[in-house]
């Protein structure tokens, strides 16, 4: 990984962490997020995954997901220099053992 890639990675992590910590308290069922990226094809390869607890209803999850998309896009816009396409943001449910 090049030095510039490491800098981008730190910036992405910083902004996504900020979004995640806020979203945990403001969005029903949201539990965490992650990202993956191939810096040889950045920003087209950047994918953000928002993870929701499986106990939240599908309707609630979709509603919360839709409201989180612009938050993720706004957080990453200064880093990417453009709006991250919504198709590069996905949601999934995760089963948690009690």
Protein backbone atom coordinates (compact mmCIF):
# COMPACT_ATOMS: atom_id res chain seq x y z
CA UNK A 1 0.00 0.00 0.00
CA UNK A 2 1.37 3.36 -1.01
CA UNK A 3 1.76 6.22 1.44
CA UNK A 4 -1.11 8.12 -0.22
CA UNK A 5 -3.31 5.01 0.06
CA UNK A 6 -2.57 4.75 3.78
CA UNK A 7 -3.51 8.40 4.23
CA UNK A 8 -6.80 7.88 2.37
CA UNK A 9 -7.52 4.77 4.44
CA UNK A 10 -7.02 6.69 7.70
CA UNK A 11 -9.32 9.46 6.50
CA UNK A 12 -12.01 7.00 5.41
CA UNK A 13 -11.81 5.15 8.73
CA UNK A 14 -11.99 8.42 10.70
CA UNK A 15 -15.11 9.61 8.88
CA UNK A 16 -16.88 6.26 8.84
CA UNK A 17 -16.16 5.81 12.56
CA UNK A 18 -17.76 9.19 13.23
CA UNK A 19 -20.85 8.20 11.21
CA UNK A 20 -20.99 4.79 12.93
CA UNK A 21 -20.78 6.13 16.48
CA UNK A 22 -23.56 8.63 15.83
CA UNK A 23 -25.74 6.16 13.92
CA UNK A 24 -25.68 3.59 16.74
CA UNK A 25 -27.74 5.98 18.85
CA UNK A 26 -29.89 7.57 16.15
CA UNK A 27 -30.90 4.70 13.85
CA UNK A 28 -33.02 1.75 14.96
CA UNK A 29 -31.28 -1.59 14.63
CA UNK A 30 -27.99 -0.20 13.30
CA UNK A 31 -25.01 -1.89 14.96
CA UNK A 32 -21.87 -1.21 12.90
CA UNK A 33 -20.42 -0.55 9.46
CA UNK A 34 -17.43 -1.64 7.44
CA UNK A 35 -15.81 -0.83 4.13
CA UNK A 36 -13.61 -2.39 1.51
CA UNK A 37 -11.61 -0.75 -1.22
CA UNK A 38 -9.04 -1.51 -3.90
CA UNK A 39 -6.90 1.63 -4.08
CA UNK A 40 -5.85 0.79 -7.62
CA UNK A 41 -9.49 1.51 -8.58
CA UNK A 42 -10.39 4.19 -6.02
CA UNK A 43 -13.06 5.55 -5.59
CA UNK A 44 -15.03 3.24 -7.91
CA UNK A 45 -14.09 0.21 -5.79
CA UNK A 46 -15.07 1.70 -2.43
CA UNK A 47 -17.97 -0.20 -0.89
CA UNK A 48 -19.55 0.62 2.47
CA UNK A 49 -21.67 -1.99 4.27
CA UNK A 50 -24.13 -0.93 6.98
CA UNK A 51 -24.96 -3.76 9.37
CA UNK A 52 -28.27 -4.01 11.22
CA UNK A 53 -29.41 -6.31 14.00
CA UNK A 54 -31.62 -9.08 12.62
CA UNK A 55 -34.28 -8.28 15.23
CA UNK A 56 -35.20 -5.03 13.49
CA UNK A 57 -38.06 -5.32 11.00
CA UNK A 58 -37.24 -5.22 7.31
CA UNK A 59 -39.30 -2.05 6.86
CA UNK A 60 -37.47 -0.32 9.72
CA UNK A 61 -34.10 -1.47 8.39
CA UNK A 62 -34.84 -0.16 4.90
CA UNK A 63 -36.05 3.15 6.30
CA UNK A 64 -32.96 3.57 8.48
CA UNK A 65 -30.70 2.47 5.61
CA UNK A 66 -32.22 5.08 3.30
CA UNK A 67 -31.66 7.80 5.87
CA UNK A 68 -28.06 6.70 6.49
CA UNK A 69 -27.03 6.78 2.82
CA UNK A 70 -26.76 10.61 2.66
CA UNK A 71 -24.87 10.65 5.98
CA UNK A 72 -22.25 8.25 4.58
CA UNK A 73 -22.10 10.19 1.32
CA UNK A 74 -21.63 13.53 3.10
CA UNK A 75 -18.91 12.14 5.35
CA UNK A 76 -16.93 10.71 2.43
CA UNK A 77 -17.47 13.53 -0.06
CA UNK A 78 -14.45 15.63 1.07
CA UNK A 79 -12.21 12.55 0.84
CA UNK A 80 -13.48 11.29 -2.52
CA UNK A 81 -14.03 14.70 -4.06
CA UNK A 82 -17.47 13.63 -5.28
CA UNK A 83 -20.63 11.96 -4.03
CA UNK A 84 -20.23 8.22 -3.41
CA UNK A 85 -22.90 6.54 -5.56
CA UNK A 86 -25.66 4.98 -3.47
CA UNK A 87 -25.10 1.67 -5.29
CA UNK A 88 -21.75 1.46 -3.47
CA UNK A 89 -23.50 1.47 -0.08
CA UNK A 90 -25.28 -1.68 1.03
CA UNK A 91 -27.14 -2.98 4.06
CA UNK A 92 -27.23 -6.40 5.65
CA UNK A 93 -28.51 -8.05 8.80
CA UNK A 94 -26.36 -9.85 11.30
CA UNK A 95 -27.39 -12.47 13.80
CA UNK A 96 -26.09 -11.79 17.30
CA UNK A 97 -25.86 -14.50 19.93
CA UNK A 98 -27.26 -13.52 23.31
